[in-house]
Amino acid sequence: MICLRGIAKSYEMGRDWPIAALRSIDLDIERGEFVVITGRSGAGKTTLLNIIAGLARPTAGSVKVDGVDLWSLSDRQRSLLRNRTMGFVFQFPSLLASLSVAQNVALPASLASDVDGGGRERAYELLEMVGLADRRFSHPRQLSAGQQQRVVIARALVNRPELLLADEPSSDLDEETEAEIMTLFGRIHSETGVTIVLVTHAKQLVAYGTRHIAMADGEVAD
C-alpha cells in the first residue's frame, strides 16, 4: 500500500544551517495493516506522515501509495488522490462551527462532487458507527472533546478511503476517552480492512496496532 525509498527531508533554517527531519528511510506498509509509529517530539513521525499523504515533498527519495508515485502527479491530481483514497484524523478536530455534525462528516463527499445525496446518507451511517447518531443535527460546540474526535473519524471515512492517516489523535484526551477512541480505531480496522497509519508519542497505544515502528532522530530505530 505504501512504499518509501530513500526518504529524506530537511528544512533550511539559514544558509549554513539545514535541519534534517528525516534521514534515508526505506519503509513498506502492506494493505490492511494497522501501523502505530511512535517517537519523541522531533523524531520525525509527523513529517513522515505528511510525506505519505503527499502534503510535504521529500528532499530526496520516492513515495508510492497504492502503486502511484505521488510526486509524478500534478498538485490537482495529488489533491484528488488524497480526497478519494485517504482519510485524515488530526490531533485537533478542526470541525467547522457553522455546520452541523452531519454536515461536517459529509463535507469531503461534497468536495468529491457527490451531488446525489449519498454523502448525507453515508454521514448518517458513519455517525451510527461511531455512536453519535443522536447528535447528527448538533453543532461541534455542543460536543465533548471525545465526541468531536469521533466526528472527525467519521468524516475521515466518508469517502471510503483505502488509507487512514492519524496524527496524535488522542493526545488532547483523558485516559478513558483515549481508550474509547483507540478501541474505535481497532473496530474500524477489523470491520473495514482499511490500512491505518497512526503516529503518537504514547507508547501505550502500540497494543492497538498490528505493527509498531519506533522512530528517533529522523530514522526508523526499531
N, C-alpha and C. Protein backbone atom coordinates (compact mmCIF):
# COMPACT_ATOMS: atom_id res chain seq x y z
N MET A 1 0.83 -1.21 0.00
CA MET A 1 0.00 0.00 0.00
C MET A 1 0.86 1.26 0.00
N ILE A 2 1.92 1.25 0.82
CA ILE A 2 2.84 2.38 0.92
C ILE A 2 4.26 1.88 0.72
N CYS A 3 4.99 2.54 -0.17
CA CYS A 3 6.38 2.18 -0.44
C CYS A 3 7.23 3.45 -0.41
N LEU A 4 8.11 3.53 0.57
CA LEU A 4 9.03 4.66 0.69
C LEU A 4 10.45 4.16 0.46
N ARG A 5 11.17 4.89 -0.38
CA ARG A 5 12.56 4.51 -0.66
C ARG A 5 13.46 5.74 -0.56
N GLY A 6 14.45 5.64 0.31
CA GLY A 6 15.46 6.68 0.45
C GLY A 6 14.90 8.04 0.83
N ILE A 7 13.86 8.04 1.67
CA ILE A 7 13.20 9.30 2.01
C ILE A 7 14.03 10.13 2.98
N ALA A 8 14.32 11.35 2.55
CA ALA A 8 14.98 12.33 3.42
C ALA A 8 14.20 13.63 3.33
N LYS A 9 14.21 14.37 4.41
CA LYS A 9 13.55 15.67 4.43
C LYS A 9 14.35 16.62 5.30
N SER A 10 14.74 17.74 4.73
CA SER A 10 15.45 18.74 5.51
C SER A 10 14.81 20.09 5.30
N TYR A 11 14.97 20.95 6.28
CA TYR A 11 14.42 22.30 6.25
C TYR A 11 15.57 23.29 6.36
N GLU A 12 15.56 24.27 5.50
CA GLU A 12 16.61 25.29 5.52
C GLU A 12 16.29 26.33 6.60
N MET A 13 17.14 26.39 7.61
CA MET A 13 16.95 27.34 8.70
C MET A 13 17.96 28.49 8.62
N GLY A 14 18.59 28.60 7.47
CA GLY A 14 19.64 29.59 7.26
C GLY A 14 20.59 29.04 6.22
N ARG A 15 21.44 29.88 5.69
CA ARG A 15 22.30 29.47 4.58
C ARG A 15 23.13 28.24 4.93
N ASP A 16 23.63 28.16 6.13
CA ASP A 16 24.51 27.05 6.51
C ASP A 16 23.92 26.19 7.63
N TRP A 17 22.60 26.21 7.77
CA TRP A 17 22.02 25.51 8.91
C TRP A 17 20.75 24.75 8.53
N PRO A 18 20.88 23.70 7.71
CA PRO A 18 19.70 22.88 7.40
C PRO A 18 19.38 21.93 8.56
N ILE A 19 18.10 21.71 8.78
CA ILE A 19 17.65 20.78 9.81
C ILE A 19 17.16 19.50 9.13
N ALA A 20 17.75 18.37 9.48
CA ALA A 20 17.36 17.09 8.89
C ALA A 20 16.22 16.50 9.72
N ALA A 21 15.01 16.48 9.15
CA ALA A 21 13.86 15.91 9.85
C ALA A 21 13.75 14.40 9.63
N LEU A 22 14.13 13.95 8.42
CA LEU A 22 14.13 12.52 8.08
C LEU A 22 15.42 12.19 7.37
N ARG A 23 15.90 10.95 7.60
CA ARG A 23 17.19 10.55 7.04
C ARG A 23 17.07 9.18 6.38
N SER A 24 17.04 9.15 5.07
CA SER A 24 17.15 7.93 4.26
C SER A 24 16.28 6.78 4.79
N ILE A 25 14.97 6.98 4.78
CA ILE A 25 14.03 5.97 5.28
C ILE A 25 13.52 5.09 4.16
N ASP A 26 13.65 3.78 4.34
CA ASP A 26 13.02 2.78 3.48
C ASP A 26 11.94 2.10 4.30
N LEU A 27 10.72 2.08 3.79
CA LEU A 27 9.61 1.53 4.57
C LEU A 27 8.51 1.03 3.66
N ASP A 28 8.02 -0.17 3.94
CA ASP A 28 6.86 -0.72 3.24
C ASP A 28 5.75 -0.96 4.26
N ILE A 29 4.54 -0.55 3.92
CA ILE A 29 3.36 -0.83 4.74
C ILE A 29 2.37 -1.56 3.85
N GLU A 30 1.98 -2.74 4.27
CA GLU A 30 1.11 -3.58 3.46
C GLU A 30 -0.35 -3.15 3.60
N ARG A 31 -1.12 -3.44 2.57
CA ARG A 31 -2.56 -3.17 2.62
C ARG A 31 -3.19 -3.93 3.79
N GLY A 32 -4.01 -3.23 4.56
CA GLY A 32 -4.72 -3.86 5.65
C GLY A 32 -3.99 -3.83 6.99
N GLU A 33 -2.78 -3.31 7.03
CA GLU A 33 -2.07 -3.21 8.31
C GLU A 33 -2.61 -2.05 9.14
N PHE A 34 -2.40 -2.13 10.45
CA PHE A 34 -2.65 -1.03 11.38
C PHE A 34 -1.31 -0.74 12.04
N VAL A 35 -0.61 0.25 11.50
CA VAL A 35 0.75 0.55 11.93
C VAL A 35 0.73 1.73 12.91
N VAL A 36 1.33 1.53 14.06
CA VAL A 36 1.48 2.59 15.05
C VAL A 36 2.94 3.02 15.06
N ILE A 37 3.17 4.31 14.77
CA ILE A 37 4.52 4.87 14.74
C ILE A 37 4.72 5.74 15.97
N THR A 38 5.73 5.41 16.76
CA THR A 38 5.98 6.17 17.99
C THR A 38 7.34 6.87 17.91
N GLY A 39 7.50 7.85 18.77
CA GLY A 39 8.75 8.58 18.86
C GLY A 39 8.55 9.84 19.67
N ARG A 40 9.64 10.36 20.21
CA ARG A 40 9.58 11.61 20.95
C ARG A 40 9.25 12.77 20.02
N SER A 41 8.90 13.89 20.60
CA SER A 41 8.70 15.10 19.80
C SER A 41 9.99 15.41 19.05
N GLY A 42 9.87 15.66 17.75
CA GLY A 42 11.04 15.94 16.93
C GLY A 42 11.66 14.71 16.30
N ALA A 43 11.07 13.54 16.53
CA ALA A 43 11.63 12.30 15.97
C ALA A 43 11.41 12.20 14.46
N GLY A 44 10.44 12.96 13.94
CA GLY A 44 10.16 12.94 12.51
C GLY A 44 8.90 12.21 12.12
N LYS A 45 8.13 11.77 13.10
CA LYS A 45 6.97 10.94 12.78
C LYS A 45 5.87 11.71 12.05
N THR A 46 5.59 12.95 12.44
CA THR A 46 4.57 13.73 11.74
C THR A 46 5.05 14.13 10.35
N THR A 47 6.33 14.45 10.21
CA THR A 47 6.88 14.73 8.88
C THR A 47 6.71 13.51 7.97
N LEU A 48 6.98 12.33 8.51
CA LEU A 48 6.82 11.11 7.74
C LEU A 48 5.37 10.92 7.30
N LEU A 49 4.44 11.19 8.21
CA LEU A 49 3.02 11.06 7.87
C LEU A 49 2.63 12.04 6.77
N ASN A 50 3.12 13.27 6.86
CA ASN A 50 2.82 14.27 5.84
C ASN A 50 3.41 13.90 4.48
N ILE A 51 4.54 13.24 4.47
CA ILE A 51 5.13 12.79 3.22
C ILE A 51 4.32 11.65 2.62
N ILE A 52 3.86 10.73 3.45
CA ILE A 52 3.00 9.65 2.97
C ILE A 52 1.73 10.22 2.34
N ALA A 53 1.22 11.30 2.93
CA ALA A 53 -0.02 11.92 2.45
C ALA A 53 0.20 12.80 1.23
N GLY A 54 1.44 13.05 0.87
CA GLY A 54 1.71 13.96 -0.23
C GLY A 54 1.50 15.41 0.15
N LEU A 55 1.51 15.71 1.44
CA LEU A 55 1.36 17.09 1.91
C LEU A 55 2.71 17.79 2.02
N ALA A 56 3.77 17.00 2.10
CA ALA A 56 5.13 17.55 2.16
C ALA A 56 5.99 16.79 1.15
N ARG A 57 6.77 17.52 0.39
CA ARG A 57 7.63 16.91 -0.62
C ARG A 57 8.96 16.52 0.01
N PRO A 58 9.40 15.29 -0.18
CA PRO A 58 10.69 14.91 0.39
C PRO A 58 11.84 15.61 -0.32
N THR A 59 12.91 15.83 0.42
CA THR A 59 14.12 16.39 -0.18
C THR A 59 14.77 15.38 -1.11
N ALA A 60 14.64 14.10 -0.76
CA ALA A 60 15.18 13.02 -1.60
C ALA A 60 14.31 11.79 -1.39
N GLY A 61 14.29 10.91 -2.40
CA GLY A 61 13.57 9.65 -2.28
C GLY A 61 12.25 9.65 -3.03
N SER A 62 11.59 8.48 -3.02
CA SER A 62 10.33 8.30 -3.74
C SER A 62 9.23 7.83 -2.79
N VAL A 63 7.99 8.25 -3.09
CA VAL A 63 6.82 7.92 -2.29
C VAL A 63 5.77 7.32 -3.21
N LYS A 64 5.41 6.08 -2.97
CA LYS A 64 4.34 5.44 -3.74
C LYS A 64 3.22 5.01 -2.80
N VAL A 65 2.00 5.36 -3.17
CA VAL A 65 0.81 4.93 -2.43
C VAL A 65 -0.07 4.17 -3.40
N ASP A 66 -0.33 2.92 -3.09
CA ASP A 66 -1.13 2.05 -3.96
C ASP A 66 -0.54 2.01 -5.38
N GLY A 67 0.78 2.01 -5.44
CA GLY A 67 1.46 1.91 -6.72
C GLY A 67 1.64 3.21 -7.48
N VAL A 68 1.12 4.31 -6.95
CA VAL A 68 1.20 5.61 -7.62
C VAL A 68 2.31 6.45 -7.01
N ASP A 69 3.21 6.92 -7.85
CA ASP A 69 4.27 7.83 -7.41
C ASP A 69 3.65 9.21 -7.18
N LEU A 70 3.56 9.62 -5.93
CA LEU A 70 2.84 10.85 -5.59
C LEU A 70 3.42 12.08 -6.28
N TRP A 71 4.73 12.10 -6.42
CA TRP A 71 5.35 13.32 -6.95
C TRP A 71 5.54 13.28 -8.45
N SER A 72 4.92 12.28 -9.10
CA SER A 72 4.80 12.31 -10.56
C SER A 72 3.48 12.97 -10.95
N LEU A 73 2.63 13.27 -9.95
CA LEU A 73 1.32 13.86 -10.19
C LEU A 73 1.38 15.38 -10.10
N SER A 74 0.41 16.02 -10.73
CA SER A 74 0.25 17.46 -10.55
C SER A 74 -0.37 17.73 -9.18
N ASP A 75 -0.35 18.98 -8.76
CA ASP A 75 -0.95 19.33 -7.47
C ASP A 75 -2.42 18.92 -7.44
N ARG A 76 -3.14 19.17 -8.53
CA ARG A 76 -4.56 18.82 -8.58
C ARG A 76 -4.76 17.31 -8.52
N GLN A 77 -3.96 16.56 -9.26
CA GLN A 77 -4.07 15.10 -9.24
C GLN A 77 -3.78 14.55 -7.85
N ARG A 78 -2.79 15.14 -7.20
CA ARG A 78 -2.44 14.69 -5.84
C ARG A 78 -3.58 15.00 -4.87
N SER A 79 -4.19 16.16 -5.01
CA SER A 79 -5.33 16.52 -4.16
C SER A 79 -6.50 15.57 -4.37
N LEU A 80 -6.78 15.23 -5.62
CA LEU A 80 -7.86 14.30 -5.92
C LEU A 80 -7.57 12.92 -5.34
N LEU A 81 -6.32 12.49 -5.45
CA LEU A 81 -5.94 11.19 -4.88
C LEU A 81 -6.15 11.18 -3.37
N ARG A 82 -5.75 12.26 -2.70
CA ARG A 82 -5.96 12.35 -1.25
C ARG A 82 -7.44 12.26 -0.91
N ASN A 83 -8.25 13.01 -1.63
CA ASN A 83 -9.68 13.06 -1.31
C ASN A 83 -10.36 11.71 -1.52
N ARG A 84 -9.92 10.98 -2.53
CA ARG A 84 -10.60 9.73 -2.88
C ARG A 84 -9.99 8.50 -2.21
N THR A 85 -8.72 8.59 -1.82
CA THR A 85 -8.01 7.42 -1.33
C THR A 85 -7.67 7.48 0.15
N MET A 86 -7.54 8.70 0.70
CA MET A 86 -7.05 8.86 2.06
C MET A 86 -8.06 9.56 2.95
N GLY A 87 -8.05 9.17 4.22
CA GLY A 87 -8.80 9.88 5.24
C GLY A 87 -7.83 10.37 6.30
N PHE A 88 -8.15 11.51 6.93
CA PHE A 88 -7.21 12.13 7.87
C PHE A 88 -7.89 12.40 9.21
N VAL A 89 -7.17 12.04 10.27
CA VAL A 89 -7.58 12.37 11.63
C VAL A 89 -6.42 13.11 12.27
N PHE A 90 -6.63 14.38 12.58
CA PHE A 90 -5.56 15.20 13.13
C PHE A 90 -5.69 15.30 14.65
N GLN A 91 -4.66 15.88 15.26
CA GLN A 91 -4.63 16.00 16.72
C GLN A 91 -5.80 16.82 17.24
N PHE A 92 -6.11 17.92 16.54
CA PHE A 92 -7.22 18.77 16.94
C PHE A 92 -8.35 18.63 15.92
N PRO A 93 -9.60 18.60 16.36
CA PRO A 93 -10.71 18.24 15.49
C PRO A 93 -10.90 19.08 14.23
N SER A 94 -10.65 20.39 14.29
CA SER A 94 -10.80 21.28 13.13
C SER A 94 -12.15 21.12 12.42
N LEU A 95 -13.20 21.04 13.22
CA LEU A 95 -14.55 20.99 12.66
C LEU A 95 -15.04 22.41 12.40
N LEU A 96 -15.92 22.54 11.43
CA LEU A 96 -16.47 23.86 11.10
C LEU A 96 -17.65 24.15 12.02
N ALA A 97 -17.51 25.20 12.82
CA ALA A 97 -18.51 25.51 13.85
C ALA A 97 -19.87 25.84 13.28
N SER A 98 -19.91 26.37 12.06
CA SER A 98 -21.18 26.78 11.46
C SER A 98 -21.98 25.62 10.87
N LEU A 99 -21.35 24.46 10.76
CA LEU A 99 -22.01 23.29 10.18
C LEU A 99 -22.45 22.32 11.27
N SER A 100 -23.50 21.58 11.00
CA SER A 100 -23.93 20.54 11.92
C SER A 100 -22.92 19.39 11.89
N VAL A 101 -23.06 18.49 12.83
CA VAL A 101 -22.19 17.31 12.88
C VAL A 101 -22.28 16.53 11.57
N ALA A 102 -23.49 16.27 11.10
CA ALA A 102 -23.67 15.52 9.85
C ALA A 102 -23.06 16.25 8.66
N GLN A 103 -23.22 17.56 8.62
CA GLN A 103 -22.66 18.34 7.52
C GLN A 103 -21.13 18.31 7.54
N ASN A 104 -20.55 18.35 8.73
CA ASN A 104 -19.10 18.24 8.84
C ASN A 104 -18.61 16.90 8.31
N VAL A 105 -19.32 15.83 8.66
CA VAL A 105 -18.92 14.50 8.21
C VAL A 105 -19.04 14.38 6.70
N ALA A 106 -20.08 14.95 6.13
CA ALA A 106 -20.35 14.83 4.69
C ALA A 106 -19.47 15.74 3.84
N LEU A 107 -18.74 16.67 4.45
CA LEU A 107 -18.02 17.68 3.69
C LEU A 107 -17.05 17.10 2.65
N PRO A 108 -16.21 16.09 2.99
CA PRO A 108 -15.30 15.56 1.96
C PRO A 108 -16.05 14.96 0.77
N ALA A 109 -17.25 14.41 1.01
CA ALA A 109 -18.03 13.85 -0.09
C ALA A 109 -18.50 14.95 -1.03
N SER A 110 -18.86 16.12 -0.46
CA SER A 110 -19.29 17.23 -1.31
C SER A 110 -18.12 17.76 -2.12
N LEU A 111 -16.92 17.72 -1.55
CA LEU A 111 -15.74 18.17 -2.29
C LEU A 111 -15.38 17.19 -3.40
N ALA A 112 -15.86 15.96 -3.27
CA ALA A 112 -15.63 14.95 -4.31
C ALA A 112 -16.77 14.94 -5.32
N SER A 113 -17.56 16.02 -5.34
CA SER A 113 -18.67 16.18 -6.30
C SER A 113 -19.74 15.12 -6.11
N ASP A 114 -19.97 14.76 -4.87
CA ASP A 114 -21.06 13.82 -4.57
C ASP A 114 -22.35 14.62 -4.52
N VAL A 115 -23.05 14.71 -5.63
CA VAL A 115 -24.22 15.56 -5.72
C VAL A 115 -25.53 14.80 -5.66
N ASP A 116 -25.46 13.48 -5.46
CA ASP A 116 -26.69 12.70 -5.47
C ASP A 116 -27.27 12.46 -4.08
N GLY A 117 -26.71 13.12 -3.08
CA GLY A 117 -27.23 12.95 -1.73
C GLY A 117 -26.60 11.80 -0.97
N GLY A 118 -25.75 11.01 -1.64
CA GLY A 118 -25.14 9.87 -1.00
C GLY A 118 -24.24 10.26 0.15
N GLY A 119 -23.63 11.43 0.07
CA GLY A 119 -22.75 11.89 1.14
C GLY A 119 -23.50 12.06 2.44
N ARG A 120 -24.72 12.58 2.38
CA ARG A 120 -25.51 12.77 3.59
C ARG A 120 -25.89 11.43 4.20
N GLU A 121 -26.32 10.49 3.37
CA GLU A 121 -26.70 9.18 3.89
C GLU A 121 -25.49 8.45 4.45
N ARG A 122 -24.36 8.59 3.77
CA ARG A 122 -23.13 7.98 4.26
C ARG A 122 -22.73 8.59 5.61
N ALA A 123 -22.92 9.90 5.77
CA ALA A 123 -22.61 10.57 7.03
C ALA A 123 -23.47 10.01 8.16
N TYR A 124 -24.76 9.82 7.89
CA TYR A 124 -25.65 9.25 8.91
C TYR A 124 -25.19 7.84 9.31
N GLU A 125 -24.80 7.07 8.30
CA GLU A 125 -24.35 5.70 8.54
C GLU A 125 -23.10 5.67 9.42
N LEU A 126 -22.17 6.59 9.14
CA LEU A 126 -20.93 6.62 9.91
C LEU A 126 -21.14 7.16 11.33
N LEU A 127 -22.04 8.10 11.47
CA LEU A 127 -22.34 8.59 12.81
C LEU A 127 -22.97 7.49 13.66
N GLU A 128 -23.72 6.63 13.03
CA GLU A 128 -24.25 5.44 13.73
C GLU A 128 -23.09 4.56 14.16
N MET A 129 -22.11 4.36 13.28
CA MET A 129 -20.96 3.51 13.58
C MET A 129 -20.17 4.03 14.77
N VAL A 130 -19.98 5.36 14.85
CA VAL A 130 -19.16 5.91 15.93
C VAL A 130 -19.98 6.28 17.17
N GLY A 131 -21.25 5.90 17.17
CA GLY A 131 -22.09 6.10 18.35
C GLY A 131 -22.63 7.49 18.54
N LEU A 132 -22.79 8.25 17.44
CA LEU A 132 -23.27 9.62 17.56
C LEU A 132 -24.48 9.88 16.67
N ALA A 133 -25.25 8.87 16.38
CA ALA A 133 -26.42 9.04 15.51
C ALA A 133 -27.40 10.07 16.07
N ASP A 134 -27.49 10.14 17.39
CA ASP A 134 -28.44 11.06 18.01
C ASP A 134 -27.92 12.50 18.06
N ARG A 135 -26.68 12.74 17.61
CA ARG A 135 -26.11 14.08 17.65
C ARG A 135 -25.87 14.65 16.24
N ARG A 136 -26.48 14.07 15.24
CA ARG A 136 -26.16 14.46 13.87
C ARG A 136 -26.58 15.90 13.55
N PHE A 137 -27.57 16.42 14.26
CA PHE A 137 -28.01 17.79 14.00
C PHE A 137 -27.41 18.79 14.99
N SER A 138 -26.58 18.28 15.90
CA SER A 138 -25.88 19.17 16.84
C SER A 138 -24.75 19.90 16.12
N HIS A 139 -24.16 20.86 16.82
CA HIS A 139 -23.01 21.58 16.30
C HIS A 139 -21.78 21.25 17.16
N PRO A 140 -20.59 21.37 16.60
CA PRO A 140 -19.38 20.95 17.33
C PRO A 140 -19.26 21.50 18.74
N ARG A 141 -19.67 22.76 18.96
CA ARG A 141 -19.53 23.36 20.28
C ARG A 141 -20.39 22.65 21.34
N GLN A 142 -21.36 21.86 20.89
CA GLN A 142 -22.25 21.15 21.82
C GLN A 142 -21.71 19.76 22.17
N LEU A 143 -20.54 19.41 21.66
CA LEU A 143 -19.97 18.09 21.88
C LEU A 143 -18.76 18.14 22.80
N SER A 144 -18.49 17.03 23.46
CA SER A 144 -17.26 16.91 24.26
C SER A 144 -16.08 16.69 23.31
N ALA A 145 -14.87 16.77 23.86
CA ALA A 145 -13.66 16.58 23.04
C ALA A 145 -13.64 15.18 22.40
N GLY A 146 -14.03 14.18 23.18
CA GLY A 146 -14.07 12.82 22.65
C GLY A 146 -15.11 12.66 21.55
N GLN A 147 -16.27 13.28 21.73
CA GLN A 147 -17.31 13.22 20.71
C GLN A 147 -16.86 13.93 19.43
N GLN A 148 -16.18 15.05 19.58
CA GLN A 148 -15.67 15.76 18.41
C GLN A 148 -14.67 14.90 17.64
N GLN A 149 -13.83 14.17 18.38
CA GLN A 149 -12.86 13.32 17.68
C GLN A 149 -13.56 12.16 16.97
N ARG A 150 -14.66 11.69 17.52
CA ARG A 150 -15.45 10.66 16.82
C ARG A 150 -16.03 11.21 15.52
N VAL A 151 -16.45 12.46 15.55
CA VAL A 151 -16.95 13.09 14.33
C VAL A 151 -15.85 13.17 13.28
N VAL A 152 -14.64 13.53 13.72
CA VAL A 152 -13.50 13.62 12.80
C VAL A 152 -13.21 12.26 12.18
N ILE A 153 -13.27 11.20 12.97
CA ILE A 153 -13.04 9.86 12.44
C ILE A 153 -14.11 9.50 11.41
N ALA A 154 -15.36 9.82 11.73
CA ALA A 154 -16.43 9.57 10.76
C ALA A 154 -16.20 10.35 9.47
N ARG A 155 -15.79 11.61 9.60
CA ARG A 155 -15.52 12.44 8.42
C ARG A 155 -14.40 11.83 7.58
N ALA A 156 -13.38 11.28 8.25
CA ALA A 156 -12.25 10.70 7.54
C ALA A 156 -12.65 9.48 6.72
N LEU A 157 -13.76 8.84 7.10
CA LEU A 157 -14.18 7.61 6.44
C LEU A 157 -15.26 7.82 5.39
N VAL A 158 -15.74 9.05 5.22
CA VAL A 158 -16.95 9.26 4.41
C VAL A 158 -16.75 8.88 2.95
N ASN A 159 -15.55 9.03 2.42
CA ASN A 159 -15.30 8.67 1.02
C ASN A 159 -14.76 7.26 0.84
N ARG A 160 -14.93 6.43 1.88
CA ARG A 160 -14.46 5.04 1.87
C ARG A 160 -12.98 4.95 1.47
N PRO A 161 -12.11 5.61 2.23
CA PRO A 161 -10.69 5.62 1.88
C PRO A 161 -10.05 4.24 2.03
N GLU A 162 -8.99 4.02 1.29
CA GLU A 162 -8.20 2.81 1.45
C GLU A 162 -7.12 2.99 2.50
N LEU A 163 -6.83 4.24 2.84
CA LEU A 163 -5.76 4.55 3.78
C LEU A 163 -6.24 5.61 4.76
N LEU A 164 -6.10 5.33 6.06
CA LEU A 164 -6.49 6.27 7.11
C LEU A 164 -5.23 6.70 7.85
N LEU A 165 -4.96 8.00 7.85
CA LEU A 165 -3.77 8.57 8.48
C LEU A 165 -4.18 9.37 9.71
N ALA A 166 -3.56 9.08 10.83
CA ALA A 166 -3.94 9.74 12.09
C ALA A 166 -2.70 10.29 12.79
N ASP A 167 -2.76 11.57 13.13
CA ASP A 167 -1.64 12.26 13.77
C ASP A 167 -2.01 12.63 15.20
N GLU A 168 -1.45 11.91 16.16
CA GLU A 168 -1.71 12.16 17.59
C GLU A 168 -3.20 12.32 17.88
N PRO A 169 -4.03 11.36 17.48
CA PRO A 169 -5.48 11.56 17.59
C PRO A 169 -6.03 11.56 19.01
N SER A 170 -5.22 11.14 19.98
CA SER A 170 -5.73 11.05 21.36
C SER A 170 -4.95 11.91 22.34
N SER A 171 -4.03 12.74 21.85
CA SER A 171 -3.14 13.46 22.77
C SER A 171 -3.86 14.51 23.60
N ASP A 172 -5.03 14.97 23.15
CA ASP A 172 -5.76 16.01 23.87
C ASP A 172 -6.90 15.43 24.71
N LEU A 173 -6.87 14.10 24.90
CA LEU A 173 -7.98 13.42 25.57
C LEU A 173 -7.53 12.81 26.90
N ASP A 174 -8.49 12.64 27.82
CA ASP A 174 -8.17 11.94 29.05
C ASP A 174 -8.00 10.45 28.76
N GLU A 175 -7.50 9.69 29.74
CA GLU A 175 -7.16 8.28 29.51
C GLU A 175 -8.37 7.44 29.11
N GLU A 176 -9.49 7.67 29.76
CA GLU A 176 -10.68 6.88 29.46
C GLU A 176 -11.16 7.15 28.03
N THR A 177 -11.20 8.43 27.64
CA THR A 177 -11.64 8.78 26.30
C THR A 177 -10.64 8.30 25.26
N GLU A 178 -9.35 8.39 25.59
CA GLU A 178 -8.32 7.87 24.69
C GLU A 178 -8.55 6.40 24.40
N ALA A 179 -8.84 5.62 25.44
CA ALA A 179 -9.09 4.19 25.25
C ALA A 179 -10.31 3.96 24.37
N GLU A 180 -11.34 4.78 24.53
CA GLU A 180 -12.54 4.64 23.71
C GLU A 180 -12.23 4.93 22.24
N ILE A 181 -11.46 5.99 21.99
CA ILE A 181 -11.12 6.37 20.62
C ILE A 181 -10.24 5.30 19.97
N MET A 182 -9.27 4.78 20.71
CA MET A 182 -8.38 3.77 20.14
C MET A 182 -9.12 2.45 19.91
N THR A 183 -10.06 2.12 20.79
CA THR A 183 -10.89 0.94 20.57
C THR A 183 -11.72 1.11 19.30
N LEU A 184 -12.19 2.34 19.06
CA LEU A 184 -12.94 2.63 17.84
C LEU A 184 -12.06 2.44 16.60
N PHE A 185 -10.81 2.92 16.66
CA PHE A 185 -9.89 2.68 15.54
C PHE A 185 -9.73 1.18 15.29
N GLY A 186 -9.57 0.42 16.36
CA GLY A 186 -9.41 -1.02 16.21
C GLY A 186 -10.63 -1.67 15.59
N ARG A 187 -11.82 -1.22 15.98
CA ARG A 187 -13.05 -1.79 15.42
C ARG A 187 -13.19 -1.43 13.95
N ILE A 188 -12.88 -0.19 13.61
CA ILE A 188 -12.93 0.23 12.20
C ILE A 188 -11.98 -0.60 11.37
N HIS A 189 -10.78 -0.84 11.90
CA HIS A 189 -9.80 -1.63 11.17
C HIS A 189 -10.29 -3.05 10.93
N SER A 190 -10.83 -3.67 11.97
CA SER A 190 -11.27 -5.06 11.82
C SER A 190 -12.51 -5.19 10.96
N GLU A 191 -13.39 -4.19 10.98
CA GLU A 191 -14.64 -4.28 10.23
C GLU A 191 -14.50 -3.85 8.77
N THR A 192 -13.59 -2.92 8.49
CA THR A 192 -13.49 -2.40 7.12
C THR A 192 -12.23 -2.85 6.39
N GLY A 193 -11.20 -3.23 7.13
CA GLY A 193 -9.94 -3.62 6.50
C GLY A 193 -9.12 -2.46 6.00
N VAL A 194 -9.50 -1.23 6.34
CA VAL A 194 -8.75 -0.06 5.90
C VAL A 194 -7.33 -0.09 6.48
N THR A 195 -6.36 0.34 5.69
CA THR A 195 -4.99 0.47 6.17
C THR A 195 -4.90 1.71 7.06
N ILE A 196 -4.35 1.55 8.25
CA ILE A 196 -4.24 2.67 9.19
C ILE A 196 -2.77 2.91 9.52
N VAL A 197 -2.36 4.17 9.45
CA VAL A 197 -1.04 4.59 9.93
C VAL A 197 -1.29 5.68 10.96
N LEU A 198 -0.92 5.41 12.20
CA LEU A 198 -1.19 6.32 13.31
C LEU A 198 0.12 6.67 13.99
N VAL A 199 0.38 7.96 14.15
CA VAL A 199 1.59 8.39 14.85
C VAL A 199 1.22 8.95 16.21
N THR A 200 2.07 8.66 17.20
CA THR A 200 1.79 9.07 18.57
C THR A 200 3.09 9.04 19.37
N HIS A 201 3.13 9.84 20.44
CA HIS A 201 4.24 9.77 21.38
C HIS A 201 3.92 8.79 22.51
N ALA A 202 2.67 8.31 22.56
CA ALA A 202 2.20 7.49 23.68
C ALA A 202 2.43 6.00 23.40
N LYS A 203 3.41 5.41 24.05
CA LYS A 203 3.77 4.02 23.79
C LYS A 203 2.65 3.04 24.17
N GLN A 204 1.76 3.45 25.06
CA GLN A 204 0.70 2.54 25.46
C GLN A 204 -0.29 2.25 24.33
N LEU A 205 -0.23 3.05 23.27
CA LEU A 205 -1.15 2.83 22.15
C LEU A 205 -0.65 1.77 21.17
N VAL A 206 0.58 1.33 21.35
CA VAL A 206 1.16 0.34 20.43
C VAL A 206 0.31 -0.92 20.38
N ALA A 207 -0.28 -1.30 21.51
CA ALA A 207 -1.04 -2.55 21.59
C ALA A 207 -2.25 -2.57 20.67
N TYR A 208 -2.73 -1.42 20.24
CA TYR A 208 -3.91 -1.37 19.39
C TYR A 208 -3.61 -1.70 17.93
N GLY A 209 -2.35 -1.62 17.53
CA GLY A 209 -1.99 -1.83 16.14
C GLY A 209 -1.58 -3.27 15.86
N THR A 210 -1.32 -3.55 14.58
CA THR A 210 -0.80 -4.86 14.19
C THR A 210 0.72 -4.82 13.99
N ARG A 211 1.29 -3.61 13.91
CA ARG A 211 2.75 -3.46 13.79
C ARG A 211 3.17 -2.15 14.43
N HIS A 212 4.35 -2.17 15.02
CA HIS A 212 4.88 -0.98 15.69
C HIS A 212 6.18 -0.57 15.03
N ILE A 213 6.32 0.72 14.73
CA ILE A 213 7.56 1.29 14.21
C ILE A 213 7.99 2.40 15.16
N ALA A 214 9.20 2.30 15.68
CA ALA A 214 9.73 3.33 16.57
C ALA A 214 10.69 4.21 15.78
N MET A 215 10.55 5.54 15.94
CA MET A 215 11.41 6.50 15.27
C MET A 215 12.24 7.28 16.27
N ALA A 216 13.43 7.67 15.84
CA ALA A 216 14.31 8.52 16.66
C ALA A 216 15.25 9.26 15.73
N ASP A 217 15.37 10.56 15.96
CA ASP A 217 16.30 11.40 15.18
C ASP A 217 16.12 11.26 13.68
N GLY A 218 14.86 11.19 13.24
CA GLY A 218 14.57 11.15 11.81
C GLY A 218 14.81 9.82 11.13
N GLU A 219 14.98 8.78 11.91
CA GLU A 219 15.24 7.45 11.34
C GLU A 219 14.32 6.41 11.99
N VAL A 220 14.13 5.30 11.29
CA VAL A 220 13.43 4.17 11.89
C VAL A 220 14.40 3.47 12.82
N ALA A 221 14.10 3.50 14.12
CA ALA A 221 15.01 2.94 15.12
C ALA A 221 14.73 1.47 15.38
N ASP A 222 13.47 1.05 15.18
CA ASP A 222 13.11 -0.34 15.50
C ASP A 222 11.82 -0.68 14.79
